[in-house]
Amino acid sequence: MTRVYEIPYLPESGFRWAVRMDGAVVEYFSSRFEALRAAVNRAAADGGDASIRVEGADGVWRPFGSDAKRPFETSEYAEQRRMLSLVR
């Protein structure tokens, strides 16, 4: 079973960041950095069946592997990013 740990961009009420696993809160932290560190540690302990999704300031959820590196992009997605970067 693949586990997905999620870290939101903004804290929940009470100024605590949640680490969720498949939508359910696993633990709360006092900073986003601590939440990210905990998610990476949990995903690394779970092995290759775990991944991390982090919400950016733009509201987009981005995937990361258990080693906290971005997964390999498909050529189609990489092409879309190249086209968008030319517009800027």
PDB file of N, CA and C in Angstrom:
ATOM      1  N   MET A   1       0.836  -1.182   0.000  1.00  0.00           N
ATOM      2  CA  MET A   1       0.000   0.000   0.000  1.00  0.00           C
ATOM      3  C   MET A   1       0.883   1.248   0.000  1.00  0.00           C
ATOM      4  N   THR A   2       0.612   2.146  -0.915  1.00  0.00           N
ATOM      5  CA  THR A   2       1.372   3.381  -1.009  1.00  0.00           C
ATOM      6  C   THR A   2       0.856   4.398  -0.001  1.00  0.00           C
ATOM      7  N   ARG A   3       1.769   4.971   0.740  1.00  0.00           N
ATOM      8  CA  ARG A   3       1.403   6.006   1.720  1.00  0.00           C
ATOM      9  C   ARG A   3       1.798   7.364   1.161  1.00  0.00           C
ATOM     10  N   VAL A   4       0.922   8.335   1.331  1.00  0.00           N
ATOM     11  CA  VAL A   4       1.190   9.696   0.866  1.00  0.00           C
ATOM     12  C   VAL A   4       1.061  10.630   2.054  1.00  0.00           C
ATOM     13  N   TYR A   5       2.153  11.283   2.416  1.00  0.00           N
ATOM     14  CA  TYR A   5       2.154  12.268   3.492  1.00  0.00           C
ATOM     15  C   TYR A   5       1.959  13.648   2.878  1.00  0.00           C
ATOM     16  N   GLU A   6       1.065  14.445   3.456  1.00  0.00           N
ATOM     17  CA  GLU A   6       0.723  15.757   2.910  1.00  0.00           C
ATOM     18  C   GLU A   6       1.013  16.854   3.933  1.00  0.00           C
ATOM     19  N   ILE A   7       1.619  17.944   3.455  1.00  0.00           N
ATOM     20  CA  ILE A   7       1.909  19.100   4.300  1.00  0.00           C
ATOM     21  C   ILE A   7       1.301  20.331   3.634  1.00  0.00           C
ATOM     22  N   PRO A   8       0.337  20.990   4.287  1.00  0.00           N
ATOM     23  CA  PRO A   8      -0.286  22.179   3.706  1.00  0.00           C
ATOM     24  C   PRO A   8       0.636  23.401   3.802  1.00  0.00           C
ATOM     25  N   TYR A   9       0.325  24.397   2.997  1.00  0.00           N
ATOM     26  CA  TYR A   9       1.116  25.630   3.022  1.00  0.00           C
ATOM     27  C   TYR A   9       0.821  26.464   4.268  1.00  0.00           C
ATOM     28  N   LEU A  10      -0.445  26.566   4.614  1.00  0.00           N
ATOM     29  CA  LEU A  10      -0.843  27.379   5.768  1.00  0.00           C
ATOM     30  C   LEU A  10      -1.168  26.499   6.966  1.00  0.00           C
ATOM     31  N   PRO A  11      -0.973  27.019   8.167  1.00  0.00           N
ATOM     32  CA  PRO A  11      -1.303  26.234   9.363  1.00  0.00           C
ATOM     33  C   PRO A  11      -2.818  26.155   9.550  1.00  0.00           C
ATOM     34  N   GLU A  12      -3.224  25.178  10.327  1.00  0.00           N
ATOM     35  CA  GLU A  12      -4.630  25.078  10.678  1.00  0.00           C
ATOM     36  C   GLU A  12      -4.901  26.007  11.848  1.00  0.00           C
ATOM     37  N   SER A  13      -6.127  26.049  12.330  1.00  0.00           N
ATOM     38  CA  SER A  13      -6.439  26.912  13.465  1.00  0.00           C
ATOM     39  C   SER A  13      -5.539  26.537  14.638  1.00  0.00           C
ATOM     40  N   GLY A  14      -5.109  27.523  15.366  1.00  0.00           N
ATOM     41  CA  GLY A  14      -4.180  27.273  16.463  1.00  0.00           C
ATOM     42  C   GLY A  14      -2.734  27.386  16.006  1.00  0.00           C
ATOM     43  N   PHE A  15      -2.523  27.781  14.738  1.00  0.00           N
ATOM     44  CA  PHE A  15      -1.183  27.975  14.199  1.00  0.00           C
ATOM     45  C   PHE A  15      -0.326  26.724  14.292  1.00  0.00           C
ATOM     46  N   ARG A  16      -0.922  25.586  13.944  1.00  0.00           N
ATOM     47  CA  ARG A  16      -0.184  24.325  13.919  1.00  0.00           C
ATOM     48  C   ARG A  16      -0.284  23.728  12.518  1.00  0.00           C
ATOM     49  N   TRP A  17       0.836  23.193  12.048  1.00  0.00           N
ATOM     50  CA  TRP A  17       0.861  22.540  10.749  1.00  0.00           C
ATOM     51  C   TRP A  17       0.599  21.054  10.929  1.00  0.00           C
ATOM     52  N   ALA A  18      -0.274  20.532  10.104  1.00  0.00           N
ATOM     53  CA  ALA A  18      -0.625  19.120  10.175  1.00  0.00           C
ATOM     54  C   ALA A  18       0.193  18.328   9.167  1.00  0.00           C
ATOM     55  N   VAL A  19       0.570  17.131   9.546  1.00  0.00           N
ATOM     56  CA  VAL A  19       1.078  16.146   8.600  1.00  0.00           C
ATOM     57  C   VAL A  19      -0.053  15.141   8.455  1.00  0.00           C
ATOM     58  N   ARG A  20      -0.528  15.004   7.219  1.00  0.00           N
ATOM     59  CA  ARG A  20      -1.615  14.070   6.958  1.00  0.00           C
ATOM     60  C   ARG A  20      -1.087  12.872   6.187  1.00  0.00           C
ATOM     61  N   MET A  21      -1.695  11.745   6.427  1.00  0.00           N
ATOM     62  CA  MET A  21      -1.392  10.566   5.632  1.00  0.00           C
ATOM     63  C   MET A  21      -2.693  10.131   4.985  1.00  0.00           C
ATOM     64  N   ASP A  22      -2.721  10.212   3.673  1.00  0.00           N
ATOM     65  CA  ASP A  22      -3.922   9.870   2.907  1.00  0.00           C
ATOM     66  C   ASP A  22      -5.148  10.633   3.417  1.00  0.00           C
ATOM     67  N   GLY A  23      -4.963  11.907   3.774  1.00  0.00           N
ATOM     68  CA  GLY A  23      -6.064  12.766   4.193  1.00  0.00           C
ATOM     69  C   GLY A  23      -6.351  12.822   5.673  1.00  0.00           C
ATOM     70  N   ALA A  24      -5.839  11.879   6.460  1.00  0.00           N
ATOM     71  CA  ALA A  24      -6.086  11.869   7.910  1.00  0.00           C
ATOM     72  C   ALA A  24      -4.876  12.453   8.644  1.00  0.00           C
ATOM     73  N   VAL A  25      -5.134  13.312   9.628  1.00  0.00           N
ATOM     74  CA  VAL A  25      -4.053  13.946  10.380  1.00  0.00           C
ATOM     75  C   VAL A  25      -3.292  12.897  11.185  1.00  0.00           C
ATOM     76  N   VAL A  26      -1.966  12.893  11.014  1.00  0.00           N
ATOM     77  CA  VAL A  26      -1.094  11.979  11.746  1.00  0.00           C
ATOM     78  C   VAL A  26      -0.542  12.669  12.988  1.00  0.00           C
ATOM     79  N   GLU A  27      -0.129  13.949  12.793  1.00  0.00           N
ATOM     80  CA  GLU A  27       0.493  14.687  13.896  1.00  0.00           C
ATOM     81  C   GLU A  27       0.489  16.176  13.562  1.00  0.00           C
ATOM     82  N   TYR A  28       0.538  17.022  14.594  1.00  0.00           N
ATOM     83  CA  TYR A  28       0.629  18.470  14.430  1.00  0.00           C
ATOM     84  C   TYR A  28       2.002  18.956  14.859  1.00  0.00           C
ATOM     85  N   PHE A  29       2.461  20.061  14.227  1.00  0.00           N
ATOM     86  CA  PHE A  29       3.765  20.641  14.552  1.00  0.00           C
ATOM     87  C   PHE A  29       3.650  22.158  14.658  1.00  0.00           C
ATOM     88  N   SER A  30       4.572  22.751  15.389  1.00  0.00           N
ATOM     89  CA  SER A  30       4.525  24.199  15.616  1.00  0.00           C
ATOM     90  C   SER A  30       5.099  24.999  14.450  1.00  0.00           C
ATOM     91  N   SER A  31       5.773  24.346  13.501  1.00  0.00           N
ATOM     92  CA  SER A  31       6.280  25.057  12.329  1.00  0.00           C
ATOM     93  C   SER A  31       6.150  24.173  11.089  1.00  0.00           C
ATOM     94  N   ARG A  32       6.136  24.802   9.944  1.00  0.00           N
ATOM     95  CA  ARG A  32       6.051  24.056   8.691  1.00  0.00           C
ATOM     96  C   ARG A  32       7.320  23.244   8.468  1.00  0.00           C
ATOM     97  N   PHE A  33       8.443  23.817   8.849  1.00  0.00           N
ATOM     98  CA  PHE A  33       9.711  23.105   8.708  1.00  0.00           C
ATOM     99  C   PHE A  33       9.706  21.791   9.495  1.00  0.00           C
ATOM    100  N   GLU A  34       9.213  21.842  10.723  1.00  0.00           N
ATOM    101  CA  GLU A  34       9.142  20.623  11.542  1.00  0.00           C
ATOM    102  C   GLU A  34       8.200  19.599  10.909  1.00  0.00           C
ATOM    103  N   ALA A  35       7.096  20.068  10.349  1.00  0.00           N
ATOM    104  CA  ALA A  35       6.155  19.168   9.688  1.00  0.00           C
ATOM    105  C   ALA A  35       6.806  18.510   8.471  1.00  0.00           C
ATOM    106  N   LEU A  36       7.547  19.292   7.688  1.00  0.00           N
ATOM    107  CA  LEU A  36       8.239  18.746   6.524  1.00  0.00           C
ATOM    108  C   LEU A  36       9.285  17.713   6.943  1.00  0.00           C
ATOM    109  N   ARG A  37      10.039  18.040   7.976  1.00  0.00           N
ATOM    110  CA  ARG A  37      11.076  17.121   8.454  1.00  0.00           C
ATOM    111  C   ARG A  37      10.450  15.807   8.928  1.00  0.00           C
ATOM    112  N   ALA A  38       9.358  15.899   9.662  1.00  0.00           N
ATOM    113  CA  ALA A  38       8.684  14.694  10.155  1.00  0.00           C
ATOM    114  C   ALA A  38       8.143  13.851   9.002  1.00  0.00           C
ATOM    115  N   ALA A  39       7.574  14.504   7.993  1.00  0.00           N
ATOM    116  CA  ALA A  39       7.042  13.770   6.842  1.00  0.00           C
ATOM    117  C   ALA A  39       8.164  13.058   6.085  1.00  0.00           C
ATOM    118  N   VAL A  40       9.294  13.728   5.916  1.00  0.00           N
ATOM    119  CA  VAL A  40      10.436  13.103   5.232  1.00  0.00           C
ATOM    120  C   VAL A  40      10.939  11.912   6.040  1.00  0.00           C
ATOM    121  N   ASN A  41      11.061  12.074   7.347  1.00  0.00           N
ATOM    122  CA  ASN A  41      11.524  10.971   8.193  1.00  0.00           C
ATOM    123  C   ASN A  41      10.568   9.786   8.150  1.00  0.00           C
ATOM    124  N   ARG A  42       9.269  10.060   8.204  1.00  0.00           N
ATOM    125  CA  ARG A  42       8.280   8.981   8.151  1.00  0.00           C
ATOM    126  C   ARG A  42       8.313   8.284   6.790  1.00  0.00           C
ATOM    127  N   ALA A  43       8.380   9.068   5.725  1.00  0.00           N
ATOM    128  CA  ALA A  43       8.405   8.488   4.377  1.00  0.00           C
ATOM    129  C   ALA A  43       9.667   7.655   4.161  1.00  0.00           C
ATOM    130  N   ALA A  44      10.799   8.140   4.659  1.00  0.00           N
ATOM    131  CA  ALA A  44      12.049   7.391   4.521  1.00  0.00           C
ATOM    132  C   ALA A  44      11.978   6.080   5.299  1.00  0.00           C
ATOM    133  N   ALA A  45      11.366   6.111   6.466  1.00  0.00           N
ATOM    134  CA  ALA A  45      11.231   4.896   7.271  1.00  0.00           C
ATOM    135  C   ALA A  45      10.290   3.893   6.606  1.00  0.00           C
ATOM    136  N   ASP A  46       9.294   4.396   5.877  1.00  0.00           N
ATOM    137  CA  ASP A  46       8.342   3.519   5.183  1.00  0.00           C
ATOM    138  C   ASP A  46       8.961   2.873   3.943  1.00  0.00           C
ATOM    139  N   GLY A  47      10.015   3.484   3.420  1.00  0.00           N
ATOM    140  CA  GLY A  47      10.673   2.926   2.235  1.00  0.00           C
ATOM    141  C   GLY A  47      10.104   3.459   0.944  1.00  0.00           C
ATOM    142  N   GLY A  48      10.243   2.668  -0.109  1.00  0.00           N
ATOM    143  CA  GLY A  48       9.861   3.099  -1.447  1.00  0.00           C
ATOM    144  C   GLY A  48       8.381   3.250  -1.685  1.00  0.00           C
ATOM    145  N   ASP A  49       7.546   2.764  -0.768  1.00  0.00           N
ATOM    146  CA  ASP A  49       6.100   2.853  -0.960  1.00  0.00           C
ATOM    147  C   ASP A  49       5.503   4.145  -0.427  1.00  0.00           C
ATOM    148  N   ALA A  50       6.322   5.084  -0.026  1.00  0.00           N
ATOM    149  CA  ALA A  50       5.814   6.333   0.545  1.00  0.00           C
ATOM    150  C   ALA A  50       6.248   7.517  -0.310  1.00  0.00           C
ATOM    151  N   SER A  51       5.405   8.529  -0.340  1.00  0.00           N
ATOM    152  CA  SER A  51       5.735   9.770  -1.029  1.00  0.00           C
ATOM    153  C   SER A  51       5.198  10.940  -0.220  1.00  0.00           C
ATOM    154  N   ILE A  52       5.572  12.148  -0.631  1.00  0.00           N
ATOM    155  CA  ILE A  52       5.202  13.365   0.087  1.00  0.00           C
ATOM    156  C   ILE A  52       4.591  14.338  -0.908  1.00  0.00           C
ATOM    157  N   ARG A  53       3.529  14.989  -0.487  1.00  0.00           N
ATOM    158  CA  ARG A  53       2.936  16.066  -1.288  1.00  0.00           C
ATOM    159  C   ARG A  53       2.983  17.333  -0.443  1.00  0.00           C
ATOM    160  N   VAL A  54       3.506  18.405  -1.043  1.00  0.00           N
ATOM    161  CA  VAL A  54       3.654  19.671  -0.327  1.00  0.00           C
ATOM    162  C   VAL A  54       2.887  20.738  -1.090  1.00  0.00           C
ATOM    163  N   GLU A  55       2.040  21.477  -0.373  1.00  0.00           N
ATOM    164  CA  GLU A  55       1.273  22.557  -0.995  1.00  0.00           C
ATOM    165  C   GLU A  55       2.138  23.798  -1.082  1.00  0.00           C
ATOM    166  N   GLY A  56       2.191  24.387  -2.261  1.00  0.00           N
ATOM    167  CA  GLY A  56       2.944  25.622  -2.456  1.00  0.00           C
ATOM    168  C   GLY A  56       2.092  26.844  -2.158  1.00  0.00           C
ATOM    169  N   ALA A  57       2.727  28.015  -2.157  1.00  0.00           N
ATOM    170  CA  ALA A  57       2.028  29.270  -1.901  1.00  0.00           C
ATOM    171  C   ALA A  57       0.959  29.540  -2.955  1.00  0.00           C
ATOM    172  N   ASP A  58       1.126  28.939  -4.136  1.00  0.00           N
ATOM    173  CA  ASP A  58       0.157  29.113  -5.216  1.00  0.00           C
ATOM    174  C   ASP A  58      -1.013  28.139  -5.133  1.00  0.00           C
ATOM    175  N   GLY A  59      -1.037  27.296  -4.097  1.00  0.00           N
ATOM    176  CA  GLY A  59      -2.124  26.350  -3.909  1.00  0.00           C
ATOM    177  C   GLY A  59      -1.964  25.039  -4.652  1.00  0.00           C
ATOM    178  N   VAL A  60      -0.847  24.882  -5.371  1.00  0.00           N
ATOM    179  CA  VAL A  60      -0.589  23.663  -6.127  1.00  0.00           C
ATOM    180  C   VAL A  60       0.129  22.654  -5.225  1.00  0.00           C
ATOM    181  N   TRP A  61      -0.364  21.419  -5.229  1.00  0.00           N
ATOM    182  CA  TRP A  61       0.269  20.333  -4.458  1.00  0.00           C
ATOM    183  C   TRP A  61       1.326  19.699  -5.332  1.00  0.00           C
ATOM    184  N   ARG A  62       2.562  19.631  -4.822  1.00  0.00           N
ATOM    185  CA  ARG A  62       3.669  19.083  -5.589  1.00  0.00           C
ATOM    186  C   ARG A  62       4.174  17.790  -4.963  1.00  0.00           C
ATOM    187  N   PRO A  63       4.423  16.779  -5.798  1.00  0.00           N
ATOM    188  CA  PRO A  63       4.882  15.480  -5.281  1.00  0.00           C
ATOM    189  C   PRO A  63       6.387  15.442  -5.053  1.00  0.00           C
ATOM    190  N   PHE A  64       6.793  14.719  -4.022  1.00  0.00           N
ATOM    191  CA  PHE A  64       8.197  14.451  -3.727  1.00  0.00           C
ATOM    192  C   PHE A  64       8.308  12.986  -3.351  1.00  0.00           C
ATOM    193  N   GLY A  65       9.482  12.418  -3.573  1.00  0.00           N
ATOM    194  CA  GLY A  65       9.722  11.046  -3.168  1.00  0.00           C
ATOM    195  C   GLY A  65      10.080  10.986  -1.696  1.00  0.00           C
ATOM    196  N   SER A  66      10.282   9.787  -1.203  1.00  0.00           N
ATOM    197  CA  SER A  66      10.625   9.628   0.219  1.00  0.00           C
ATOM    198  C   SER A  66      12.005  10.191   0.533  1.00  0.00           C
ATOM    199  N   ASP A  67      12.811  10.469  -0.501  1.00  0.00           N
ATOM    200  CA  ASP A  67      14.124  11.072  -0.292  1.00  0.00           C
ATOM    201  C   ASP A  67      14.060  12.600  -0.404  1.00  0.00           C
ATOM    202  N   ALA A  68      12.850  13.143  -0.454  1.00  0.00           N
ATOM    203  CA  ALA A  68      12.576  14.584  -0.528  1.00  0.00           C
ATOM    204  C   ALA A  68      13.062  15.215  -1.826  1.00  0.00           C
ATOM    205  N   LYS A  69      13.197  14.415  -2.870  1.00  0.00           N
ATOM    206  CA  LYS A  69      13.530  14.936  -4.190  1.00  0.00           C
ATOM    207  C   LYS A  69      12.320  14.801  -5.079  1.00  0.00           C
ATOM    208  N   ARG A  70      12.210  15.725  -6.034  1.00  0.00           N
ATOM    209  CA  ARG A  70      11.090  15.670  -6.975  1.00  0.00           C
ATOM    210  C   ARG A  70      11.182  14.404  -7.804  1.00  0.00           C
ATOM    211  N   PRO A  71      10.064  13.730  -8.020  1.00  0.00           N
ATOM    212  CA  PRO A  71      10.087  12.535  -8.876  1.00  0.00           C
ATOM    213  C   PRO A  71      10.432  12.918 -10.310  1.00  0.00           C
ATOM    214  N   PHE A  72      10.880  11.954 -11.062  1.00  0.00           N
ATOM    215  CA  PHE A  72      11.234  12.165 -12.465  1.00  0.00           C
ATOM    216  C   PHE A  72      10.014  12.676 -13.225  1.00  0.00           C
ATOM    217  N   GLU A  73      10.209  13.752 -13.974  1.00  0.00           N
ATOM    218  CA  GLU A  73       9.106  14.335 -14.730  1.00  0.00           C
ATOM    219  C   GLU A  73       8.955  13.616 -16.061  1.00  0.00           C
ATOM    220  N   THR A  74       7.721  13.422 -16.466  1.00  0.00           N
ATOM    221  CA  THR A  74       7.478  12.873 -17.799  1.00  0.00           C
ATOM    222  C   THR A  74       7.840  13.935 -18.823  1.00  0.00           C
ATOM    223  N   SER A  75       8.157  13.533 -20.005  1.00  0.00           N
ATOM    224  CA  SER A  75       8.570  14.483 -21.036  1.00  0.00           C
ATOM    225  C   SER A  75       7.456  15.474 -21.355  1.00  0.00           C
ATOM    226  N   GLU A  76       6.201  15.038 -21.283  1.00  0.00           N
ATOM    227  CA  GLU A  76       5.079  15.935 -21.556  1.00  0.00           C
ATOM    228  C   GLU A  76       5.001  17.051 -20.515  1.00  0.00           C
ATOM    229  N   TYR A  77       5.161  16.695 -19.239  1.00  0.00           N
ATOM    230  CA  TYR A  77       5.116  17.693 -18.169  1.00  0.00           C
ATOM    231  C   TYR A  77       6.313  18.637 -18.267  1.00  0.00           C
ATOM    232  N   ALA A  78       7.483  18.109 -18.564  1.00  0.00           N
ATOM    233  CA  ALA A  78       8.683  18.941 -18.697  1.00  0.00           C
ATOM    234  C   ALA A  78       8.509  19.932 -19.852  1.00  0.00           C
ATOM    235  N   GLU A  79       7.890  19.481 -20.943  1.00  0.00           N
ATOM    236  CA  GLU A  79       7.651  20.363 -22.086  1.00  0.00           C
ATOM    237  C   GLU A  79       6.700  21.497 -21.704  1.00  0.00           C
ATOM    238  N   GLN A  80       5.655  21.203 -20.936  1.00  0.00           N
ATOM    239  CA  GLN A  80       4.722  22.238 -20.489  1.00  0.00           C
ATOM    240  C   GLN A  80       5.441  23.265 -19.620  1.00  0.00           C
ATOM    241  N   ARG A  81       6.313  22.818 -18.734  1.00  0.00           N
ATOM    242  CA  ARG A  81       7.047  23.746 -17.871  1.00  0.00           C
ATOM    243  C   ARG A  81       7.967  24.637 -18.688  1.00  0.00           C
ATOM    244  N   ARG A  82       8.606  24.068 -19.744  1.00  0.00           N
ATOM    245  CA  ARG A  82       9.483  24.870 -20.596  1.00  0.00           C
ATOM    246  C   ARG A  82       8.685  25.952 -21.291  1.00  0.00           C
ATOM    247  N   MET A  83       7.497  25.592 -21.791  1.00  0.00           N
ATOM    248  CA  MET A  83       6.667  26.567 -22.493  1.00  0.00           C
ATOM    249  C   MET A  83       6.232  27.683 -21.548  1.00  0.00           C
ATOM    250  N   LEU A  84       5.864  27.335 -20.311  1.00  0.00           N
ATOM    251  CA  LEU A  84       5.439  28.349 -19.346  1.00  0.00           C
ATOM    252  C   LEU A  84       6.592  29.260 -18.957  1.00  0.00           C
ATOM    253  N   SER A  85       7.796  28.733 -18.872  1.00  0.00           N
ATOM    254  CA  SER A  85       8.932  29.563 -18.481  1.00  0.00           C
ATOM    255  C   SER A  85       9.284  30.578 -19.562  1.00  0.00           C
ATOM    256  N   LEU A  86       8.960  30.269 -20.810  1.00  0.00           N
ATOM    257  CA  LEU A  86       9.217  31.214 -21.900  1.00  0.00           C
ATOM    258  C   LEU A  86       8.277  32.407 -21.828  1.00  0.00           C
ATOM    259  N   VAL A  87       7.101  32.210 -21.285  1.00  0.00           N
ATOM    260  CA  VAL A  87       6.099  33.277 -21.198  1.00  0.00           C
ATOM    261  C   VAL A  87       6.508  34.319 -20.168  1.00  0.00           C
ATOM    262  N   ARG A  88       7.137  33.887 -19.119  1.00  0.00           N
ATOM    263  CA  ARG A  88       7.516  34.805 -18.048  1.00  0.00           C
ATOM    264  C   ARG A  88       8.428  35.823 -18.574  1.00  0.00           C
TER     265      ARG A  88
END
